[in-house]
Amino acid sequence: MKTPKTVINLELENSCETISIRKWNNYMEDTTKANGARIRNLIKNHLPDLYASLALNFYNPYEKNCVKKKGLFVYVHSAIEYFIKYN
């Protein structure tokens, strides 16, 4: 499955800072490599407040660590995973 180019909506579910290791493992289970730049552009269009707060208009060296699975993007910024549900 390729990283979708278009989605209906995005919703920030959690970040790794606020969840237990068990929940983190559930989120990360069965994920595959994702196109971080594509996720960043989706965040820009659907979650502009998150885009601004993470200053995603600047280079993000962690973006290459992004992963996905059906219905979930995991965007990595400053070694923090952001779990974003999508439709």
C-alpha atoms as a PDB file:
ATOM      1  CA  MET A   1       0.000   0.000   0.000  1.00  0.00           C
ATOM      2  CA  LYS A   2       1.413   3.362  -1.038  1.00  0.00           C
ATOM      3  CA  THR A   3       0.993   6.456   1.089  1.00  0.00           C
ATOM      4  CA  PRO A   4      -2.305   8.013  -0.053  1.00  0.00           C
ATOM      5  CA  LYS A   5      -2.055  11.318  -1.936  1.00  0.00           C
ATOM      6  CA  THR A   6      -5.520  12.436  -0.913  1.00  0.00           C
ATOM      7  CA  VAL A   7      -7.611  11.763   2.171  1.00  0.00           C
ATOM      8  CA  ILE A   8     -11.025  12.955   3.337  1.00  0.00           C
ATOM      9  CA  ASN A   9      -9.840  14.057   6.768  1.00  0.00           C
ATOM     10  CA  LEU A  10      -7.053  13.708   9.325  1.00  0.00           C
ATOM     11  CA  GLU A  11      -7.374  13.597  13.090  1.00  0.00           C
ATOM     12  CA  LEU A  12      -4.479  13.775  15.535  1.00  0.00           C
ATOM     13  CA  GLU A  13      -5.057  10.800  17.818  1.00  0.00           C
ATOM     14  CA  ASN A  14      -2.049  10.912  20.176  1.00  0.00           C
ATOM     15  CA  SER A  15       1.664  11.419  20.389  1.00  0.00           C
ATOM     16  CA  CYS A  16       4.114   8.968  21.907  1.00  0.00           C
ATOM     17  CA  GLU A  17       4.603  11.360  24.842  1.00  0.00           C
ATOM     18  CA  THR A  18       1.099  10.789  26.179  1.00  0.00           C
ATOM     19  CA  ILE A  19       0.534   7.038  25.802  1.00  0.00           C
ATOM     20  CA  SER A  20       1.688   3.812  27.404  1.00  0.00           C
ATOM     21  CA  ILE A  21       4.190   1.488  25.767  1.00  0.00           C
ATOM     22  CA  ARG A  22       1.395  -1.051  25.231  1.00  0.00           C
ATOM     23  CA  LYS A  23      -0.663   1.462  23.262  1.00  0.00           C
ATOM     24  CA  TRP A  24       2.461   2.545  21.345  1.00  0.00           C
ATOM     25  CA  ASN A  25       3.094  -1.100  20.378  1.00  0.00           C
ATOM     26  CA  ASN A  26      -0.522  -1.417  19.189  1.00  0.00           C
ATOM     27  CA  TYR A  27      -0.170   1.673  17.010  1.00  0.00           C
ATOM     28  CA  MET A  28       3.159   0.532  15.556  1.00  0.00           C
ATOM     29  CA  GLU A  29       2.150  -3.089  14.931  1.00  0.00           C
ATOM     30  CA  ASP A  30       2.002  -3.981  11.205  1.00  0.00           C
ATOM     31  CA  THR A  31       3.203  -0.564  10.019  1.00  0.00           C
ATOM     32  CA  THR A  32       5.184  -0.096   6.828  1.00  0.00           C
ATOM     33  CA  LYS A  33       7.436   2.660   5.554  1.00  0.00           C
ATOM     34  CA  ALA A  34       5.591   5.823   4.514  1.00  0.00           C
ATOM     35  CA  ASN A  35       6.317   8.883   2.421  1.00  0.00           C
ATOM     36  CA  GLY A  36       6.901  11.525   5.104  1.00  0.00           C
ATOM     37  CA  ALA A  37       6.774  14.428   2.659  1.00  0.00           C
ATOM     38  CA  ARG A  38       3.333  13.322   1.465  1.00  0.00           C
ATOM     39  CA  ILE A  39       2.100  13.038   5.066  1.00  0.00           C
ATOM     40  CA  ARG A  40       3.529  16.503   5.794  1.00  0.00           C
ATOM     41  CA  ASN A  41       1.539  17.943   2.871  1.00  0.00           C
ATOM     42  CA  LEU A  42      -1.629  16.237   4.108  1.00  0.00           C
ATOM     43  CA  ILE A  43      -1.010  17.711   7.567  1.00  0.00           C
ATOM     44  CA  LYS A  44      -0.562  21.144   5.976  1.00  0.00           C
ATOM     45  CA  ASN A  45      -3.949  20.865   4.252  1.00  0.00           C
ATOM     46  CA  HIS A  46      -5.985  19.162   6.993  1.00  0.00           C
ATOM     47  CA  LEU A  47      -4.261  20.048  10.292  1.00  0.00           C
ATOM     48  CA  PRO A  48      -2.819  23.554   9.811  1.00  0.00           C
ATOM     49  CA  ASP A  49      -2.448  24.154  13.565  1.00  0.00           C
ATOM     50  CA  LEU A  50      -0.247  21.061  13.934  1.00  0.00           C
ATOM     51  CA  TYR A  51       1.703  22.078  10.818  1.00  0.00           C
ATOM     52  CA  ALA A  52       2.400  25.502  12.351  1.00  0.00           C
ATOM     53  CA  SER A  53       3.173  24.246  15.862  1.00  0.00           C
ATOM     54  CA  LEU A  54       5.744  21.756  14.530  1.00  0.00           C
ATOM     55  CA  ALA A  55       7.144  24.342  12.075  1.00  0.00           C
ATOM     56  CA  LEU A  56       6.885  21.824   9.253  1.00  0.00           C
ATOM     57  CA  ASN A  57       7.848  24.469   6.726  1.00  0.00           C
ATOM     58  CA  PHE A  58      11.454  23.771   7.858  1.00  0.00           C
ATOM     59  CA  TYR A  59      13.569  20.670   7.220  1.00  0.00           C
ATOM     60  CA  ASN A  60      12.726  17.683   9.431  1.00  0.00           C
ATOM     61  CA  PRO A  61      15.527  15.078   9.586  1.00  0.00           C
ATOM     62  CA  TYR A  62      13.189  12.585  11.301  1.00  0.00           C
ATOM     63  CA  GLU A  63      10.654  12.581   8.470  1.00  0.00           C
ATOM     64  CA  LYS A  64      12.315   9.549   6.875  1.00  0.00           C
ATOM     65  CA  ASN A  65      11.149   7.480   9.880  1.00  0.00           C
ATOM     66  CA  CYS A  66       7.431   7.928   9.113  1.00  0.00           C
ATOM     67  CA  VAL A  67       5.294   4.790   8.839  1.00  0.00           C
ATOM     68  CA  LYS A  68       1.695   3.942   8.023  1.00  0.00           C
ATOM     69  CA  LYS A  69      -0.955   1.290   8.175  1.00  0.00           C
ATOM     70  CA  LYS A  70      -4.570   1.236   7.105  1.00  0.00           C
ATOM     71  CA  GLY A  71      -6.293   4.212   8.688  1.00  0.00           C
ATOM     72  CA  LEU A  72      -3.194   5.496  10.521  1.00  0.00           C
ATOM     73  CA  PHE A  73      -0.177   7.643   9.715  1.00  0.00           C
ATOM     74  CA  VAL A  74       2.727   7.916  12.130  1.00  0.00           C
ATOM     75  CA  TYR A  75       4.532  11.183  11.458  1.00  0.00           C
ATOM     76  CA  VAL A  76       7.890  11.538  13.228  1.00  0.00           C
ATOM     77  CA  HIS A  77       9.204  14.951  14.260  1.00  0.00           C
ATOM     78  CA  SER A  78      12.017  15.567  16.762  1.00  0.00           C
ATOM     79  CA  ALA A  79      12.016  11.837  17.595  1.00  0.00           C
ATOM     80  CA  ILE A  80       8.354  12.084  18.669  1.00  0.00           C
ATOM     81  CA  GLU A  81       5.742  10.002  16.880  1.00  0.00           C
ATOM     82  CA  TYR A  82       2.418  11.653  16.093  1.00  0.00           C
ATOM     83  CA  PHE A  83      -0.386   9.151  15.503  1.00  0.00           C
ATOM     84  CA  ILE A  84      -2.812  10.550  12.943  1.00  0.00           C
ATOM     85  CA  LYS A  85      -5.981   8.752  11.883  1.00  0.00           C
ATOM     86  CA  TYR A  86      -7.178   9.237   8.331  1.00  0.00           C
ATOM     87  CA  ASN A  87     -10.139   8.409   6.083  1.00  0.00           C
END
